[in-house]
Amino acid sequence: MTRRRPPTRRRTRRPSKRQQQKDAQLIAFAVVAAAVIGLALMVVNWLLAHWWVLLIALVLAVLAGIGWLSNRQQQARWEAVRAQGLRYALSQLDALHHAKFEEAVRDLMRRDGCQDAQRVGGGGDLGADVKATDPLGRRWVIQCKHRRNGARGSAVGTPDLQVLNGTARQVHGADVAVIVTNGRVTGPAVTFAKQQRLHVVDRQTLAVWASGSRPLWELLRAVPPPRQPTSLS
């Protein structure tokens, strides 16, 4: 007779470490979720029992929002007043850093009604330091040349205007291309500007513009005719 072999016992597999980690994470998540839900219920029940606290918080939030909105409106009004009365003396402009000089030119354009005036000067600006649209729809591209020594500094020459001439209309879409300086401009540069329909704001013109209230286009000759008035008008 053949003997029957005893049945082999199947070994129970232990869960892998990865499975154990997943189980632990699920348990931890469930515990945290239960704690959060329990805390939320406690807070809701407390607020229902103390509804006046929620009402006070709501009133304070409304008052804070009104105060923030009023402060923003006040700042906007002060900015408008400051822009309308903005004035610079040449001595102030001479003392500025070149970046601040560009910001001053931007602010003067805003004073004149160019609400979208922005400073774009910096590395790779391609000859444009300030861009603006005037109230009659003309696009202005301005290159700024600040001289720390004012009239005693180096004069703006033809090469500076050649850069503006090469990019203002073709790259930036300018209707009016302007170079502004608190220094001097050479005679050949002025001649080149007239030939290429560029506009030069030298030290004398800058003094009139910055210290007065007339917009720049009233101080320049042969400015292109207005486009169709825009929403900035």
Protein backbone atom coordinates (compact mmCIF):
# COMPACT_ATOMS: atom_id res chain seq x y z
CA MET A 1 0.00 0.00 0.00
CA THR A 2 1.19 3.48 -0.86
CA ARG A 3 1.35 5.97 1.93
CA ARG A 4 -0.36 9.26 1.44
CA ARG A 5 1.77 12.28 1.87
CA PRO A 6 0.56 14.71 4.49
CA PRO A 7 -0.90 17.83 2.92
CA THR A 8 1.56 20.70 2.62
CA ARG A 9 0.75 23.72 4.74
CA ARG A 10 0.40 26.97 2.86
CA ARG A 11 2.48 29.74 4.23
CA THR A 12 0.60 32.95 4.86
CA ARG A 13 2.28 35.86 3.15
CA ARG A 14 3.11 38.81 5.28
CA PRO A 15 2.17 42.18 3.77
CA SER A 16 5.08 43.94 2.14
CA LYS A 17 6.67 47.03 3.65
CA ARG A 18 5.13 49.16 0.92
CA GLN A 19 1.67 47.79 1.70
CA GLN A 20 2.26 48.39 5.40
CA GLN A 21 3.23 51.99 4.67
CA LYS A 22 0.09 52.50 2.59
CA ASP A 23 -2.07 51.04 5.34
CA ALA A 24 -0.40 53.30 7.91
CA GLN A 25 -0.93 56.33 5.70
CA LEU A 26 -4.61 55.48 5.23
CA ILE A 27 -5.08 55.08 8.96
CA ALA A 28 -3.31 58.38 9.62
CA PHE A 29 -5.41 60.13 6.98
CA ALA A 30 -8.60 58.73 8.46
CA VAL A 31 -7.58 59.89 11.94
CA VAL A 32 -6.72 63.38 10.70
CA ALA A 33 -9.93 63.62 8.67
CA ALA A 34 -11.99 62.55 11.66
CA ALA A 35 -10.22 65.10 13.85
CA VAL A 36 -10.79 67.90 11.31
CA ILE A 37 -14.45 67.03 10.90
CA GLY A 38 -14.89 66.84 14.64
CA LEU A 39 -13.20 70.20 15.14
CA ALA A 40 -15.31 71.76 12.37
CA LEU A 41 -18.48 70.47 13.99
CA MET A 42 -17.38 71.86 17.34
CA VAL A 43 -16.72 75.27 15.79
CA VAL A 44 -20.06 75.27 13.97
CA ASN A 45 -21.92 74.29 17.12
CA TRP A 46 -20.09 76.95 19.12
CA LEU A 47 -20.89 79.62 16.52
CA LEU A 48 -24.54 78.57 16.49
CA ALA A 49 -24.59 78.96 20.24
CA HIS A 50 -22.69 82.27 20.09
CA TRP A 51 -24.12 83.75 16.86
CA TRP A 52 -23.36 87.29 18.02
CA VAL A 53 -19.61 86.61 17.64
CA LEU A 54 -20.15 85.81 13.95
CA LEU A 55 -22.21 88.98 13.56
CA ILE A 56 -19.46 91.11 15.12
CA ALA A 57 -16.82 89.52 12.89
CA LEU A 58 -18.98 90.21 9.84
CA VAL A 59 -19.46 93.85 10.84
CA LEU A 60 -15.71 94.27 11.42
CA ALA A 61 -14.94 92.73 8.03
CA VAL A 62 -17.39 95.10 6.32
CA LEU A 63 -15.87 98.10 8.13
CA ALA A 64 -12.36 96.97 7.18
CA GLY A 65 -13.40 96.63 3.53
CA ILE A 66 -14.98 100.08 3.54
CA GLY A 67 -11.85 101.54 5.11
CA TRP A 68 -9.60 99.85 2.53
CA LEU A 69 -11.76 101.06 -0.36
CA SER A 70 -11.87 104.61 1.04
CA ASN A 71 -8.09 104.61 1.44
CA ARG A 72 -7.62 103.47 -2.16
CA GLN A 73 -9.94 106.20 -3.41
CA GLN A 74 -8.12 108.81 -1.33
CA GLN A 75 -4.78 107.68 -2.72
CA ALA A 76 -6.15 107.87 -6.25
CA ARG A 77 -7.41 111.41 -5.63
CA TRP A 78 -4.06 112.49 -4.22
CA GLU A 79 -2.26 110.92 -7.18
CA ALA A 80 -4.49 112.86 -9.57
CA VAL A 81 -3.86 116.11 -7.70
CA ARG A 82 -0.12 115.44 -7.63
CA ALA A 83 -0.07 114.67 -11.34
CA GLN A 84 -1.97 117.82 -12.22
CA GLY A 85 0.41 119.98 -10.22
CA LEU A 86 3.59 118.09 -11.07
CA ARG A 87 6.54 120.41 -11.60
CA TYR A 88 10.29 119.87 -11.87
CA ALA A 89 13.10 122.36 -11.83
CA LEU A 90 16.17 121.61 -13.93
CA SER A 91 18.26 121.35 -10.78
CA GLN A 92 15.94 118.58 -9.56
CA LEU A 93 16.19 116.71 -12.85
CA ASP A 94 19.99 117.08 -12.93
CA ALA A 95 20.24 115.49 -9.48
CA LEU A 96 18.26 112.39 -10.45
CA HIS A 97 19.63 108.95 -11.22
CA HIS A 98 19.09 108.07 -14.88
CA ALA A 99 16.34 105.59 -13.97
CA LYS A 100 14.58 108.21 -11.86
CA PHE A 101 14.92 110.64 -14.75
CA GLU A 102 13.03 108.20 -16.95
CA GLU A 103 10.34 107.91 -14.26
CA ALA A 104 10.08 111.71 -14.13
CA VAL A 105 9.53 111.83 -17.90
CA ARG A 106 6.87 109.13 -17.55
CA ASP A 107 5.13 111.13 -14.79
CA LEU A 108 5.18 114.29 -16.90
CA MET A 109 3.50 112.40 -19.74
CA ARG A 110 0.86 111.19 -17.29
CA ARG A 111 0.38 114.76 -16.11
CA ASP A 112 -0.30 115.72 -19.72
CA GLY A 113 -3.10 113.15 -19.96
CA CYS A 114 -1.26 110.01 -21.14
CA GLN A 115 -2.81 107.64 -18.63
CA ASP A 116 -1.02 104.57 -19.97
CA ALA A 117 2.48 106.12 -19.85
CA GLN A 118 5.00 103.59 -18.64
CA ARG A 119 8.73 103.35 -18.17
CA VAL A 120 10.20 100.48 -20.17
CA GLY A 121 13.87 101.49 -20.08
CA GLY A 122 16.51 98.96 -19.14
CA GLY A 123 18.62 96.29 -20.72
CA GLY A 124 17.37 95.43 -24.21
CA ASP A 125 14.90 98.31 -24.38
CA LEU A 126 15.76 98.86 -28.08
CA GLY A 127 15.87 102.62 -27.76
CA ALA A 128 12.59 103.06 -25.85
CA ASP A 129 12.67 104.31 -22.26
CA VAL A 130 9.10 105.62 -22.01
CA LYS A 131 5.99 104.73 -24.02
CA ALA A 132 2.68 106.56 -23.91
CA THR A 133 -0.52 107.24 -25.81
CA ASP A 134 -1.70 110.84 -25.78
CA PRO A 135 -5.40 111.82 -25.49
CA LEU A 136 -5.61 112.12 -29.28
CA GLY A 137 -4.47 108.56 -29.89
CA ARG A 138 -0.87 109.18 -30.94
CA ARG A 139 1.70 106.66 -29.78
CA TRP A 140 4.80 108.24 -28.22
CA VAL A 141 8.16 106.52 -27.90
CA ILE A 142 10.71 108.45 -25.86
CA GLN A 143 14.40 107.84 -25.39
CA CYS A 144 15.89 109.55 -22.34
CA LYS A 145 19.49 110.77 -22.11
CA HIS A 146 20.31 111.99 -18.62
CA ARG A 147 23.51 113.93 -18.01
CA ARG A 148 24.61 114.13 -14.41
CA ASN A 149 26.45 117.41 -15.12
CA GLY A 150 23.56 118.88 -17.08
CA ALA A 151 24.70 121.36 -19.72
CA ARG A 152 28.33 120.60 -18.88
CA GLY A 153 27.91 116.91 -19.66
CA SER A 154 28.59 115.21 -22.95
CA ALA A 155 26.30 116.28 -25.77
CA VAL A 156 23.73 113.95 -27.32
CA GLY A 157 24.98 113.13 -30.81
CA THR A 158 23.75 111.64 -34.05
CA PRO A 159 24.46 108.00 -33.02
CA ASP A 160 21.92 108.30 -30.19
CA LEU A 161 19.28 109.51 -32.63
CA GLN A 162 20.15 106.78 -35.12
CA VAL A 163 19.23 104.16 -32.52
CA LEU A 164 15.88 105.86 -31.92
CA ASN A 165 15.27 106.23 -35.64
CA GLY A 166 15.96 102.55 -36.25
CA THR A 167 13.53 101.18 -33.65
CA ALA A 168 10.90 103.75 -32.67
CA ARG A 169 8.55 103.25 -35.62
CA GLN A 170 9.59 99.83 -36.94
CA VAL A 171 9.80 98.04 -33.56
CA HIS A 172 7.65 100.10 -31.17
CA GLY A 173 5.05 101.47 -33.59
CA ALA A 174 5.65 105.11 -32.71
CA ASP A 175 3.70 107.99 -34.20
CA VAL A 176 5.97 110.42 -32.39
CA ALA A 177 9.61 109.54 -31.71
CA VAL A 178 11.31 111.80 -29.16
CA ILE A 179 14.67 112.05 -27.46
CA VAL A 180 14.69 113.92 -24.14
CA THR A 181 17.84 115.16 -22.44
CA ASN A 182 18.76 117.51 -19.64
CA GLY A 183 21.99 118.24 -21.49
CA ARG A 184 23.10 119.53 -24.86
CA VAL A 185 22.43 118.27 -28.38
CA THR A 186 24.96 118.62 -31.20
CA GLY A 187 24.12 120.56 -34.35
CA PRO A 188 24.46 117.52 -36.63
CA ALA A 189 22.10 115.59 -34.35
CA VAL A 190 19.48 118.33 -34.64
CA THR A 191 19.84 118.30 -38.43
CA PHE A 192 19.53 114.52 -38.52
CA ALA A 193 16.41 114.69 -36.35
CA LYS A 194 14.71 117.11 -38.73
CA GLN A 195 15.59 114.93 -41.71
CA GLN A 196 14.19 111.79 -40.09
CA ARG A 197 11.09 113.38 -38.50
CA LEU A 198 12.41 112.86 -34.97
CA HIS A 199 11.76 115.30 -32.14
CA VAL A 200 14.42 116.63 -29.80
CA VAL A 201 13.64 117.91 -26.30
CA ASP A 202 16.82 119.67 -25.25
CA ARG A 203 17.59 121.30 -21.93
CA GLN A 204 15.72 124.51 -22.72
CA THR A 205 12.57 122.76 -23.96
CA LEU A 206 12.71 120.36 -21.02
CA ALA A 207 12.82 123.29 -18.60
CA VAL A 208 9.64 124.77 -20.10
CA TRP A 209 7.85 121.42 -20.17
CA ALA A 210 8.82 120.25 -16.68
CA SER A 211 8.15 123.54 -14.89
CA GLY A 212 4.91 124.44 -16.65
CA SER A 213 1.56 122.90 -17.41
CA ARG A 214 1.59 122.75 -21.21
CA PRO A 215 1.67 119.26 -22.72
CA LEU A 216 4.76 118.29 -24.65
CA TRP A 217 3.00 118.19 -28.03
CA GLU A 218 2.25 121.89 -27.73
CA LEU A 219 5.96 122.63 -27.37
CA LEU A 220 7.17 120.62 -30.37
CA ARG A 221 6.94 121.49 -34.03
CA ALA A 222 5.57 119.28 -36.80
CA VAL A 223 3.94 116.76 -34.49
CA PRO A 224 1.85 114.26 -36.49
CA PRO A 225 -1.88 115.03 -36.66
CA PRO A 226 -4.14 113.41 -34.08
CA ARG A 227 -5.54 109.98 -34.60
CA GLN A 228 -9.13 109.18 -33.73
CA PRO A 229 -9.65 110.14 -30.06
CA THR A 230 -9.42 107.16 -27.72
CA SER A 231 -10.85 106.29 -24.31
CA LEU A 232 -7.89 108.19 -22.85
CA SER A 233 -9.25 111.45 -24.25
